[in-house]
Amino acid sequence: MQGMIISNPKLEFLRPMLERWFDCIDRYNAIRGDSETPYWFDEQANLGLLSAAAWMAEMVSLERSPSKKQQEEGARNARTDLYLATREERAYIQATQRWPQVNCGFRSTVTGRFG
């Protein structure tokens, strides 16, 4: 996709997946034939699209994947909403989606640990 800006160089490996994410959204809309864009449903629908896009981009992904949560006292077992990886790099995604408020715009937050 032209115009996509990834401001953190560590996240550049996600570019092929993000490009295919747009393809997944377009395909969904073309098949469904209405204007119900899938990311309006909830973050789980969006994570499913991102997961599909990752596989299309020759990455691997797993939703609700086991992980470790880093805390001051050390690490403990946790789950990540979406695990993404290539042979060289990986990302652990925790996603929340906020709905737009009148006159306030749309806000979505994705946080992750990258390694």
PDB file of N, CA and C in Angstrom:
ATOM      1  N   MET A   1       0.840  -1.185   0.000  1.00  0.00           N
ATOM      2  CA  MET A   1       0.000   0.000   0.000  1.00  0.00           C
ATOM      3  C   MET A   1       0.878   1.238   0.000  1.00  0.00           C
ATOM      4  N   GLN A   2       0.576   2.155  -0.869  1.00  0.00           N
ATOM      5  CA  GLN A   2       1.328   3.401  -0.892  1.00  0.00           C
ATOM      6  C   GLN A   2       0.866   4.282   0.256  1.00  0.00           C
ATOM      7  N   GLY A   3       1.803   4.997   0.830  1.00  0.00           N
ATOM      8  CA  GLY A   3       1.456   5.926   1.889  1.00  0.00           C
ATOM      9  C   GLY A   3       1.483   5.331   3.277  1.00  0.00           C
ATOM     10  N   MET A   4       1.729   4.033   3.418  1.00  0.00           N
ATOM     11  CA  MET A   4       1.803   3.437   4.745  1.00  0.00           C
ATOM     12  C   MET A   4       3.130   3.848   5.376  1.00  0.00           C
ATOM     13  N   ILE A   5       3.062   4.382   6.568  1.00  0.00           N
ATOM     14  CA  ILE A   5       4.265   4.822   7.274  1.00  0.00           C
ATOM     15  C   ILE A   5       4.434   3.947   8.510  1.00  0.00           C
ATOM     16  N   ILE A   6       5.587   3.321   8.623  1.00  0.00           N
ATOM     17  CA  ILE A   6       5.943   2.553   9.814  1.00  0.00           C
ATOM     18  C   ILE A   6       7.081   3.321  10.452  1.00  0.00           C
ATOM     19  N   SER A   7       6.790   4.004  11.541  1.00  0.00           N
ATOM     20  CA  SER A   7       7.766   4.922  12.128  1.00  0.00           C
ATOM     21  C   SER A   7       8.837   4.223  12.966  1.00  0.00           C
ATOM     22  N   ASN A   8       8.595   3.003  13.392  1.00  0.00           N
ATOM     23  CA  ASN A   8       9.574   2.265  14.177  1.00  0.00           C
ATOM     24  C   ASN A   8      10.267   1.247  13.269  1.00  0.00           C
ATOM     25  N   PRO A   9      11.560   1.397  13.010  1.00  0.00           N
ATOM     26  CA  PRO A   9      12.265   0.474  12.107  1.00  0.00           C
ATOM     27  C   PRO A   9      12.176  -0.990  12.549  1.00  0.00           C
ATOM     28  N   LYS A  10      12.019  -1.251  13.837  1.00  0.00           N
ATOM     29  CA  LYS A  10      11.905  -2.622  14.322  1.00  0.00           C
ATOM     30  C   LYS A  10      10.624  -3.302  13.838  1.00  0.00           C
ATOM     31  N   LEU A  11       9.650  -2.490  13.433  1.00  0.00           N
ATOM     32  CA  LEU A  11       8.366  -3.036  12.986  1.00  0.00           C
ATOM     33  C   LEU A  11       8.265  -3.161  11.469  1.00  0.00           C
ATOM     34  N   GLU A  12       9.313  -2.793  10.773  1.00  0.00           N
ATOM     35  CA  GLU A  12       9.289  -2.832   9.306  1.00  0.00           C
ATOM     36  C   GLU A  12       8.990  -4.233   8.778  1.00  0.00           C
ATOM     37  N   PHE A  13       9.370  -5.272   9.509  1.00  0.00           N
ATOM     38  CA  PHE A  13       9.117  -6.639   9.049  1.00  0.00           C
ATOM     39  C   PHE A  13       7.625  -6.943   8.952  1.00  0.00           C
ATOM     40  N   LEU A  14       6.776  -6.103   9.557  1.00  0.00           N
ATOM     41  CA  LEU A  14       5.327  -6.295   9.494  1.00  0.00           C
ATOM     42  C   LEU A  14       4.705  -5.720   8.214  1.00  0.00           C
ATOM     43  N   ARG A  15       5.461  -4.969   7.438  1.00  0.00           N
ATOM     44  CA  ARG A  15       4.917  -4.308   6.241  1.00  0.00           C
ATOM     45  C   ARG A  15       4.203  -5.281   5.292  1.00  0.00           C
ATOM     46  N   PRO A  16       4.815  -6.409   4.901  1.00  0.00           N
ATOM     47  CA  PRO A  16       4.099  -7.314   3.983  1.00  0.00           C
ATOM     48  C   PRO A  16       2.764  -7.802   4.560  1.00  0.00           C
ATOM     49  N   MET A  17       2.724  -8.055   5.857  1.00  0.00           N
ATOM     50  CA  MET A  17       1.473  -8.482   6.485  1.00  0.00           C
ATOM     51  C   MET A  17       0.437  -7.367   6.435  1.00  0.00           C
ATOM     52  N   LEU A  18       0.848  -6.133   6.748  1.00  0.00           N
ATOM     53  CA  LEU A  18      -0.093  -5.016   6.752  1.00  0.00           C
ATOM     54  C   LEU A  18      -0.639  -4.754   5.349  1.00  0.00           C
ATOM     55  N   GLU A  19       0.195  -4.919   4.330  1.00  0.00           N
ATOM     56  CA  GLU A  19      -0.276  -4.760   2.956  1.00  0.00           C
ATOM     57  C   GLU A  19      -1.340  -5.800   2.629  1.00  0.00           C
ATOM     58  N   ARG A  20      -1.146  -7.022   3.069  1.00  0.00           N
ATOM     59  CA  ARG A  20      -2.120  -8.083   2.814  1.00  0.00           C
ATOM     60  C   ARG A  20      -3.363  -7.934   3.687  1.00  0.00           C
ATOM     61  N   TRP A  21      -3.234  -7.278   4.831  1.00  0.00           N
ATOM     62  CA  TRP A  21      -4.395  -6.990   5.683  1.00  0.00           C
ATOM     63  C   TRP A  21      -5.400  -6.143   4.907  1.00  0.00           C
ATOM     64  N   PHE A  22      -4.903  -5.132   4.202  1.00  0.00           N
ATOM     65  CA  PHE A  22      -5.789  -4.312   3.370  1.00  0.00           C
ATOM     66  C   PHE A  22      -6.441  -5.170   2.287  1.00  0.00           C
ATOM     67  N   ASP A  23      -5.684  -6.112   1.700  1.00  0.00           N
ATOM     68  CA  ASP A  23      -6.253  -7.017   0.700  1.00  0.00           C
ATOM     69  C   ASP A  23      -7.375  -7.871   1.302  1.00  0.00           C
ATOM     70  N   CYS A  24      -7.165  -8.348   2.531  1.00  0.00           N
ATOM     71  CA  CYS A  24      -8.190  -9.153   3.208  1.00  0.00           C
ATOM     72  C   CYS A  24      -9.466  -8.342   3.427  1.00  0.00           C
ATOM     73  N   ILE A  25      -9.320  -7.097   3.843  1.00  0.00           N
ATOM     74  CA  ILE A  25     -10.484  -6.227   4.050  1.00  0.00           C
ATOM     75  C   ILE A  25     -11.213  -6.009   2.734  1.00  0.00           C
ATOM     76  N   ASP A  26     -10.465  -5.725   1.671  1.00  0.00           N
ATOM     77  CA  ASP A  26     -11.080  -5.515   0.356  1.00  0.00           C
ATOM     78  C   ASP A  26     -11.813  -6.766  -0.121  1.00  0.00           C
ATOM     79  N   ARG A  27     -11.202  -7.935   0.057  1.00  0.00           N
ATOM     80  CA  ARG A  27     -11.832  -9.186  -0.358  1.00  0.00           C
ATOM     81  C   ARG A  27     -13.109  -9.438   0.432  1.00  0.00           C
ATOM     82  N   TYR A  28     -13.057  -9.214   1.731  1.00  0.00           N
ATOM     83  CA  TYR A  28     -14.239  -9.393   2.578  1.00  0.00           C
ATOM     84  C   TYR A  28     -15.384  -8.506   2.080  1.00  0.00           C
ATOM     85  N   ASN A  29     -15.080  -7.246   1.837  1.00  0.00           N
ATOM     86  CA  ASN A  29     -16.111  -6.309   1.386  1.00  0.00           C
ATOM     87  C   ASN A  29     -16.648  -6.689   0.006  1.00  0.00           C
ATOM     88  N   ALA A  30     -15.783  -7.158  -0.889  1.00  0.00           N
ATOM     89  CA  ALA A  30     -16.220  -7.540  -2.232  1.00  0.00           C
ATOM     90  C   ALA A  30     -17.149  -8.753  -2.179  1.00  0.00           C
ATOM     91  N   ILE A  31     -16.836  -9.716  -1.338  1.00  0.00           N
ATOM     92  CA  ILE A  31     -17.658 -10.927  -1.245  1.00  0.00           C
ATOM     93  C   ILE A  31     -18.955 -10.657  -0.496  1.00  0.00           C
ATOM     94  N   ARG A  32     -18.875  -9.923   0.582  1.00  0.00           N
ATOM     95  CA  ARG A  32     -20.072  -9.638   1.372  1.00  0.00           C
ATOM     96  C   ARG A  32     -21.010  -8.690   0.630  1.00  0.00           C
ATOM     97  N   GLY A  33     -20.447  -7.740  -0.094  1.00  0.00           N
ATOM     98  CA  GLY A  33     -21.246  -6.867  -0.929  1.00  0.00           C
ATOM     99  C   GLY A  33     -21.967  -5.753  -0.206  1.00  0.00           C
ATOM    100  N   ASP A  34     -21.530  -5.442   0.994  1.00  0.00           N
ATOM    101  CA  ASP A  34     -22.126  -4.308   1.698  1.00  0.00           C
ATOM    102  C   ASP A  34     -21.016  -3.445   2.274  1.00  0.00           C
ATOM    103  N   SER A  35     -21.361  -2.476   3.040  1.00  0.00           N
ATOM    104  CA  SER A  35     -20.338  -1.569   3.578  1.00  0.00           C
ATOM    105  C   SER A  35     -19.982  -1.887   5.031  1.00  0.00           C
ATOM    106  N   GLU A  36     -20.249  -3.104   5.471  1.00  0.00           N
ATOM    107  CA  GLU A  36     -19.913  -3.511   6.838  1.00  0.00           C
ATOM    108  C   GLU A  36     -18.451  -3.922   6.913  1.00  0.00           C
ATOM    109  N   THR A  37     -17.581  -2.954   7.029  1.00  0.00           N
ATOM    110  CA  THR A  37     -16.153  -3.225   7.100  1.00  0.00           C
ATOM    111  C   THR A  37     -15.863  -4.086   8.326  1.00  0.00           C
ATOM    112  N   PRO A  38     -15.099  -5.174   8.171  1.00  0.00           N
ATOM    113  CA  PRO A  38     -14.942  -6.136   9.263  1.00  0.00           C
ATOM    114  C   PRO A  38     -14.316  -5.574  10.531  1.00  0.00           C
ATOM    115  N   TYR A  39     -13.448  -4.573  10.424  1.00  0.00           N
ATOM    116  CA  TYR A  39     -12.819  -4.063  11.641  1.00  0.00           C
ATOM    117  C   TYR A  39     -13.788  -3.270  12.513  1.00  0.00           C
ATOM    118  N   TRP A  40     -14.988  -3.004  12.037  1.00  0.00           N
ATOM    119  CA  TRP A  40     -15.984  -2.332  12.872  1.00  0.00           C
ATOM    120  C   TRP A  40     -16.628  -3.281  13.866  1.00  0.00           C
ATOM    121  N   PHE A  41     -16.493  -4.591  13.670  1.00  0.00           N
ATOM    122  CA  PHE A  41     -17.165  -5.531  14.563  1.00  0.00           C
ATOM    123  C   PHE A  41     -16.524  -5.541  15.950  1.00  0.00           C
ATOM    124  N   ASP A  42     -15.256  -5.866  16.028  1.00  0.00           N
ATOM    125  CA  ASP A  42     -14.530  -5.828  17.303  1.00  0.00           C
ATOM    126  C   ASP A  42     -13.070  -6.175  17.040  1.00  0.00           C
ATOM    127  N   GLU A  43     -12.268  -6.120  18.104  1.00  0.00           N
ATOM    128  CA  GLU A  43     -10.843  -6.384  17.908  1.00  0.00           C
ATOM    129  C   GLU A  43     -10.578  -7.824  17.509  1.00  0.00           C
ATOM    130  N   GLN A  44     -11.443  -8.771  17.920  1.00  0.00           N
ATOM    131  CA  GLN A  44     -11.223 -10.171  17.553  1.00  0.00           C
ATOM    132  C   GLN A  44     -11.362 -10.377  16.047  1.00  0.00           C
ATOM    133  N   ALA A  45     -12.338  -9.707  15.433  1.00  0.00           N
ATOM    134  CA  ALA A  45     -12.481  -9.774  13.977  1.00  0.00           C
ATOM    135  C   ALA A  45     -11.237  -9.204  13.302  1.00  0.00           C
ATOM    136  N   ASN A  46     -10.742  -8.115  13.832  1.00  0.00           N
ATOM    137  CA  ASN A  46      -9.550  -7.489  13.271  1.00  0.00           C
ATOM    138  C   ASN A  46      -8.326  -8.388  13.434  1.00  0.00           C
ATOM    139  N   LEU A  47      -8.195  -9.037  14.582  1.00  0.00           N
ATOM    140  CA  LEU A  47      -7.074  -9.947  14.803  1.00  0.00           C
ATOM    141  C   LEU A  47      -7.137 -11.134  13.851  1.00  0.00           C
ATOM    142  N   GLY A  48      -8.350 -11.615  13.567  1.00  0.00           N
ATOM    143  CA  GLY A  48      -8.502 -12.705  12.606  1.00  0.00           C
ATOM    144  C   GLY A  48      -8.011 -12.303  11.222  1.00  0.00           C
ATOM    145  N   LEU A  49      -8.336 -11.080  10.813  1.00  0.00           N
ATOM    146  CA  LEU A  49      -7.861 -10.577   9.524  1.00  0.00           C
ATOM    147  C   LEU A  49      -6.343 -10.426   9.521  1.00  0.00           C
ATOM    148  N   LEU A  50      -5.783  -9.903  10.604  1.00  0.00           N
ATOM    149  CA  LEU A  50      -4.328  -9.763  10.691  1.00  0.00           C
ATOM    150  C   LEU A  50      -3.640 -11.128  10.653  1.00  0.00           C
ATOM    151  N   SER A  51      -4.234 -12.100  11.313  1.00  0.00           N
ATOM    152  CA  SER A  51      -3.675 -13.444  11.316  1.00  0.00           C
ATOM    153  C   SER A  51      -3.670 -14.032   9.908  1.00  0.00           C
ATOM    154  N   ALA A  52      -4.789 -13.889   9.195  1.00  0.00           N
ATOM    155  CA  ALA A  52      -4.855 -14.375   7.813  1.00  0.00           C
ATOM    156  C   ALA A  52      -3.828 -13.663   6.944  1.00  0.00           C
ATOM    157  N   ALA A  53      -3.699 -12.364   7.118  1.00  0.00           N
ATOM    158  CA  ALA A  53      -2.737 -11.577   6.340  1.00  0.00           C
ATOM    159  C   ALA A  53      -1.305 -12.023   6.624  1.00  0.00           C
ATOM    160  N   ALA A  54      -1.022 -12.381   7.860  1.00  0.00           N
ATOM    161  CA  ALA A  54       0.327 -12.849   8.202  1.00  0.00           C
ATOM    162  C   ALA A  54       0.669 -14.123   7.433  1.00  0.00           C
ATOM    163  N   TRP A  55      -0.243 -15.065   7.388  1.00  0.00           N
ATOM    164  CA  TRP A  55       0.006 -16.301   6.649  1.00  0.00           C
ATOM    165  C   TRP A  55       0.170 -16.018   5.160  1.00  0.00           C
ATOM    166  N   MET A  56      -0.637 -15.082   4.625  1.00  0.00           N
ATOM    167  CA  MET A  56      -0.502 -14.706   3.211  1.00  0.00           C
ATOM    168  C   MET A  56       0.865 -14.089   2.935  1.00  0.00           C
ATOM    169  N   ALA A  57       1.468 -13.452   3.946  1.00  0.00           N
ATOM    170  CA  ALA A  57       2.770 -12.790   3.808  1.00  0.00           C
ATOM    171  C   ALA A  57       3.929 -13.722   4.170  1.00  0.00           C
ATOM    172  N   GLU A  58       3.676 -15.032   4.201  1.00  0.00           N
ATOM    173  CA  GLU A  58       4.716 -16.023   4.503  1.00  0.00           C
ATOM    174  C   GLU A  58       5.235 -15.915   5.925  1.00  0.00           C
ATOM    175  N   MET A  59       4.399 -15.403   6.822  1.00  0.00           N
ATOM    176  CA  MET A  59       4.715 -15.371   8.253  1.00  0.00           C
ATOM    177  C   MET A  59       3.903 -16.473   8.917  1.00  0.00           C
ATOM    178  N   VAL A  60       4.092 -16.637  10.218  1.00  0.00           N
ATOM    179  CA  VAL A  60       3.207 -17.496  10.998  1.00  0.00           C
ATOM    180  C   VAL A  60       2.497 -16.621  12.028  1.00  0.00           C
ATOM    181  N   SER A  61       1.328 -17.090  12.440  1.00  0.00           N
ATOM    182  CA  SER A  61       0.575 -16.358  13.457  1.00  0.00           C
ATOM    183  C   SER A  61      -0.231 -17.358  14.275  1.00  0.00           C
ATOM    184  N   LEU A  62      -0.523 -16.956  15.496  1.00  0.00           N
ATOM    185  CA  LEU A  62      -1.363 -17.767  16.365  1.00  0.00           C
ATOM    186  C   LEU A  62      -2.106 -16.838  17.310  1.00  0.00           C
ATOM    187  N   GLU A  63      -3.430 -16.937  17.279  1.00  0.00           N
ATOM    188  CA  GLU A  63      -4.236 -16.121  18.177  1.00  0.00           C
ATOM    189  C   GLU A  63      -4.266 -16.770  19.556  1.00  0.00           C
ATOM    190  N   ARG A  64      -4.341 -15.935  20.586  1.00  0.00           N
ATOM    191  CA  ARG A  64      -4.377 -16.377  21.988  1.00  0.00           C
ATOM    192  C   ARG A  64      -3.217 -17.322  22.309  1.00  0.00           C
ATOM    193  N   SER A  65      -2.040 -16.885  21.958  1.00  0.00           N
ATOM    194  CA  SER A  65      -0.827 -17.668  22.113  1.00  0.00           C
ATOM    195  C   SER A  65      -0.245 -17.521  23.520  1.00  0.00           C
ATOM    196  N   PRO A  66       0.296 -18.593  24.089  1.00  0.00           N
ATOM    197  CA  PRO A  66       0.979 -18.474  25.379  1.00  0.00           C
ATOM    198  C   PRO A  66       2.186 -17.551  25.274  1.00  0.00           C
ATOM    199  N   SER A  67       2.434 -16.793  26.321  1.00  0.00           N
ATOM    200  CA  SER A  67       3.593 -15.895  26.360  1.00  0.00           C
ATOM    201  C   SER A  67       3.964 -15.654  27.813  1.00  0.00           C
ATOM    202  N   LYS A  68       4.926 -14.794  28.004  1.00  0.00           N
ATOM    203  CA  LYS A  68       5.345 -14.389  29.349  1.00  0.00           C
ATOM    204  C   LYS A  68       5.043 -12.916  29.521  1.00  0.00           C
ATOM    205  N   LYS A  69       4.525 -12.546  30.670  1.00  0.00           N
ATOM    206  CA  LYS A  69       4.278 -11.142  30.977  1.00  0.00           C
ATOM    207  C   LYS A  69       5.410 -10.647  31.862  1.00  0.00           C
ATOM    208  N   GLN A  70       6.066  -9.585  31.422  1.00  0.00           N
ATOM    209  CA  GLN A  70       7.187  -9.021  32.173  1.00  0.00           C
ATOM    210  C   GLN A  70       6.665  -8.076  33.244  1.00  0.00           C
ATOM    211  N   GLN A  71       7.110  -8.286  34.463  1.00  0.00           N
ATOM    212  CA  GLN A  71       6.758  -7.416  35.575  1.00  0.00           C
ATOM    213  C   GLN A  71       8.017  -7.124  36.364  1.00  0.00           C
ATOM    214  N   GLU A  72       7.914  -6.186  37.293  1.00  0.00           N
ATOM    215  CA  GLU A  72       9.076  -5.861  38.122  1.00  0.00           C
ATOM    216  C   GLU A  72       9.576  -7.082  38.877  1.00  0.00           C
ATOM    217  N   GLU A  73       8.655  -7.929  39.332  1.00  0.00           N
ATOM    218  CA  GLU A  73       9.050  -9.111  40.110  1.00  0.00           C
ATOM    219  C   GLU A  73       9.576 -10.243  39.235  1.00  0.00           C
ATOM    220  N   GLY A  74       9.495 -10.078  37.913  1.00  0.00           N
ATOM    221  CA  GLY A  74       9.931 -11.123  36.995  1.00  0.00           C
ATOM    222  C   GLY A  74       8.828 -11.445  36.007  1.00  0.00           C
ATOM    223  N   ALA A  75       8.972 -12.562  35.331  1.00  0.00           N
ATOM    224  CA  ALA A  75       8.007 -12.949  34.305  1.00  0.00           C
ATOM    225  C   ALA A  75       6.996 -13.938  34.883  1.00  0.00           C
ATOM    226  N   ARG A  76       5.787 -13.892  34.319  1.00  0.00           N
ATOM    227  CA  ARG A  76       4.775 -14.886  34.679  1.00  0.00           C
ATOM    228  C   ARG A  76       4.065 -15.313  33.404  1.00  0.00           C
ATOM    229  N   ASN A  77       3.401 -16.459  33.452  1.00  0.00           N
ATOM    230  CA  ASN A  77       2.685 -16.954  32.286  1.00  0.00           C
ATOM    231  C   ASN A  77       1.532 -16.030  31.946  1.00  0.00           C
ATOM    232  N   ALA A  78       1.307 -15.850  30.658  1.00  0.00           N
ATOM    233  CA  ALA A  78       0.225 -14.983  30.180  1.00  0.00           C
ATOM    234  C   ALA A  78      -0.195 -15.468  28.799  1.00  0.00           C
ATOM    235  N   ARG A  79      -1.100 -14.735  28.201  1.00  0.00           N
ATOM    236  CA  ARG A  79      -1.517 -14.988  26.818  1.00  0.00           C
ATOM    237  C   ARG A  79      -1.426 -13.688  26.047  1.00  0.00           C
ATOM    238  N   THR A  80      -1.028 -13.805  24.808  1.00  0.00           N
ATOM    239  CA  THR A  80      -1.014 -12.652  23.921  1.00  0.00           C
ATOM    240  C   THR A  80      -2.162 -12.807  22.933  1.00  0.00           C
ATOM    241  N   ASP A  81      -2.760 -11.710  22.506  1.00  0.00           N
ATOM    242  CA  ASP A  81      -3.885 -11.794  21.573  1.00  0.00           C
ATOM    243  C   ASP A  81      -3.455 -12.349  20.221  1.00  0.00           C
ATOM    244  N   LEU A  82      -2.261 -11.983  19.771  1.00  0.00           N
ATOM    245  CA  LEU A  82      -1.795 -12.451  18.470  1.00  0.00           C
ATOM    246  C   LEU A  82      -0.271 -12.522  18.465  1.00  0.00           C
ATOM    247  N   TYR A  83       0.235 -13.686  18.134  1.00  0.00           N
ATOM    248  CA  TYR A  83       1.674 -13.907  17.971  1.00  0.00           C
ATOM    249  C   TYR A  83       1.966 -13.886  16.476  1.00  0.00           C
ATOM    250  N   LEU A  84       2.942 -13.097  16.065  1.00  0.00           N
ATOM    251  CA  LEU A  84       3.361 -12.991  14.667  1.00  0.00           C
ATOM    252  C   LEU A  84       4.852 -13.256  14.586  1.00  0.00           C
ATOM    253  N   ALA A  85       5.289 -13.986  13.550  1.00  0.00           N
ATOM    254  CA  ALA A  85       6.725 -14.258  13.458  1.00  0.00           C
ATOM    255  C   ALA A  85       7.155 -14.562  12.035  1.00  0.00           C
ATOM    256  N   THR A  86       8.397 -14.174  11.765  1.00  0.00           N
ATOM    257  CA  THR A  86       9.153 -14.653  10.609  1.00  0.00           C
ATOM    258  C   THR A  86      10.256 -15.527  11.212  1.00  0.00           C
ATOM    259  N   ARG A  87      11.137 -16.033  10.388  1.00  0.00           N
ATOM    260  CA  ARG A  87      12.259 -16.811  10.925  1.00  0.00           C
ATOM    261  C   ARG A  87      13.172 -15.966  11.803  1.00  0.00           C
ATOM    262  N   GLU A  88      13.251 -14.664  11.507  1.00  0.00           N
ATOM    263  CA  GLU A  88      14.199 -13.796  12.212  1.00  0.00           C
ATOM    264  C   GLU A  88      13.562 -12.931  13.295  1.00  0.00           C
ATOM    265  N   GLU A  89      12.286 -12.581  13.145  1.00  0.00           N
ATOM    266  CA  GLU A  89      11.687 -11.607  14.052  1.00  0.00           C
ATOM    267  C   GLU A  89      10.311 -12.068  14.504  1.00  0.00           C
ATOM    268  N   ARG A  90       9.886 -11.510  15.643  1.00  0.00           N
ATOM    269  CA  ARG A  90       8.568 -11.867  16.166  1.00  0.00           C
ATOM    270  C   ARG A  90       7.947 -10.686  16.893  1.00  0.00           C
ATOM    271  N   ALA A  91       6.629 -10.745  17.013  1.00  0.00           N
ATOM    272  CA  ALA A  91       5.877  -9.720  17.732  1.00  0.00           C
ATOM    273  C   ALA A  91       4.762 -10.387  18.517  1.00  0.00           C
ATOM    274  N   TYR A  92       4.530  -9.875  19.701  1.00  0.00           N
ATOM    275  CA  TYR A  92       3.433 -10.336  20.555  1.00  0.00           C
ATOM    276  C   TYR A  92       2.462  -9.169  20.675  1.00  0.00           C
ATOM    277  N   ILE A  93       1.257  -9.343  20.153  1.00  0.00           N
ATOM    278  CA  ILE A  93       0.301  -8.249  20.057  1.00  0.00           C
ATOM    279  C   ILE A  93      -0.801  -8.393  21.104  1.00  0.00           C
ATOM    280  N   GLN A  94      -1.025  -7.321  21.822  1.00  0.00           N
ATOM    281  CA  GLN A  94      -2.173  -7.204  22.723  1.00  0.00           C
ATOM    282  C   GLN A  94      -3.036  -6.101  22.135  1.00  0.00           C
ATOM    283  N   ALA A  95      -4.284  -6.392  21.817  1.00  0.00           N
ATOM    284  CA  ALA A  95      -5.115  -5.415  21.118  1.00  0.00           C
ATOM    285  C   ALA A  95      -6.362  -5.062  21.916  1.00  0.00           C
ATOM    286  N   THR A  96      -6.694  -3.802  21.882  1.00  0.00           N
ATOM    287  CA  THR A  96      -7.986  -3.319  22.363  1.00  0.00           C
ATOM    288  C   THR A  96      -8.508  -2.357  21.305  1.00  0.00           C
ATOM    289  N   GLN A  97      -9.799  -2.306  21.203  1.00  0.00           N
ATOM    290  CA  GLN A  97     -10.398  -1.417  20.218  1.00  0.00           C
ATOM    291  C   GLN A  97     -11.384  -0.520  20.937  1.00  0.00           C
ATOM    292  N   ARG A  98     -11.290   0.745  20.667  1.00  0.00           N
ATOM    293  CA  ARG A  98     -12.204   1.712  21.257  1.00  0.00           C
ATOM    294  C   ARG A  98     -13.126   2.233  20.177  1.00  0.00           C
ATOM    295  N   TRP A  99     -14.356   2.387  20.502  1.00  0.00           N
ATOM    296  CA  TRP A  99     -15.341   2.866  19.545  1.00  0.00           C
ATOM    297  C   TRP A  99     -15.311   4.378  19.476  1.00  0.00           C
ATOM    298  N   PRO A 100     -15.651   4.918  18.314  1.00  0.00           N
ATOM    299  CA  PRO A 100     -15.631   6.381  18.161  1.00  0.00           C
ATOM    300  C   PRO A 100     -16.700   7.050  19.013  1.00  0.00           C
ATOM    301  N   GLN A 101     -16.374   8.217  19.488  1.00  0.00           N
ATOM    302  CA  GLN A 101     -17.336   9.035  20.198  1.00  0.00           C
ATOM    303  C   GLN A 101     -17.690  10.206  19.285  1.00  0.00           C
ATOM    304  N   VAL A 102     -18.897  10.687  19.403  1.00  0.00           N
ATOM    305  CA  VAL A 102     -19.341  11.786  18.551  1.00  0.00           C
ATOM    306  C   VAL A 102     -18.380  12.963  18.697  1.00  0.00           C
ATOM    307  N   ASN A 103     -17.916  13.476  17.574  1.00  0.00           N
ATOM    308  CA  ASN A 103     -17.011  14.626  17.510  1.00  0.00           C
ATOM    309  C   ASN A 103     -15.634  14.370  18.128  1.00  0.00           C
ATOM    310  N   CYS A 104     -15.276  13.117  18.390  1.00  0.00           N
ATOM    311  CA  CYS A 104     -13.974  12.834  18.989  1.00  0.00           C
ATOM    312  C   CYS A 104     -13.079  11.993  18.075  1.00  0.00           C
ATOM    313  N   GLY A 105     -13.629  11.360  17.061  1.00  0.00           N
ATOM    314  CA  GLY A 105     -12.826  10.541  16.169  1.00  0.00           C
ATOM    315  C   GLY A 105     -12.658   9.118  16.662  1.00  0.00           C
ATOM    316  N   PHE A 106     -11.960   8.312  15.900  1.00  0.00           N
ATOM    317  CA  PHE A 106     -11.742   6.895  16.191  1.00  0.00           C
ATOM    318  C   PHE A 106     -10.387   6.701  16.847  1.00  0.00           C
ATOM    319  N   ARG A 107     -10.337   5.788  17.792  1.00  0.00           N
ATOM    320  CA  ARG A 107      -9.068   5.507  18.462  1.00  0.00           C
ATOM    321  C   ARG A 107      -8.923   4.020  18.649  1.00  0.00           C
ATOM    322  N   SER A 108      -7.795   3.502  18.278  1.00  0.00           N
ATOM    323  CA  SER A 108      -7.494   2.079  18.432  1.00  0.00           C
ATOM    324  C   SER A 108      -6.083   1.969  18.981  1.00  0.00           C
ATOM    325  N   THR A 109      -5.865   1.023  19.862  1.00  0.00           N
ATOM    326  CA  THR A 109      -4.550   0.877  20.476  1.00  0.00           C
ATOM    327  C   THR A 109      -4.046  -0.535  20.270  1.00  0.00           C
ATOM    328  N   VAL A 110      -2.847  -0.659  19.785  1.00  0.00           N
ATOM    329  CA  VAL A 110      -2.182  -1.946  19.689  1.00  0.00           C
ATOM    330  C   VAL A 110      -0.847  -1.792  20.409  1.00  0.00           C
ATOM    331  N   THR A 111      -0.618  -2.681  21.361  1.00  0.00           N
ATOM    332  CA  THR A 111       0.658  -2.658  22.055  1.00  0.00           C
ATOM    333  C   THR A 111       1.314  -4.008  21.843  1.00  0.00           C
ATOM    334  N   GLY A 112       2.589  -4.057  21.968  1.00  0.00           N
ATOM    335  CA  GLY A 112       3.242  -5.332  21.773  1.00  0.00           C
ATOM    336  C   GLY A 112       4.666  -5.326  22.286  1.00  0.00           C
ATOM    337  N   ARG A 113       5.196  -6.519  22.364  1.00  0.00           N
ATOM    338  CA  ARG A 113       6.578  -6.734  22.738  1.00  0.00           C
ATOM    339  C   ARG A 113       7.229  -7.345  21.515  1.00  0.00           C
ATOM    340  N   PHE A 114       8.325  -6.809  21.122  1.00  0.00           N
ATOM    341  CA  PHE A 114       8.964  -7.231  19.883  1.00  0.00           C
ATOM    342  C   PHE A 114      10.341  -7.791  20.189  1.00  0.00           C
ATOM    343  N   GLY A 115      10.676  -8.860  19.519  1.00  0.00           N
ATOM    344  CA  GLY A 115      11.968  -9.459  19.788  1.00  0.00           C
ATOM    345  C   GLY A 115      12.572 -10.106  18.603  1.00  0.00           C
TER     346      GLY A 115
END
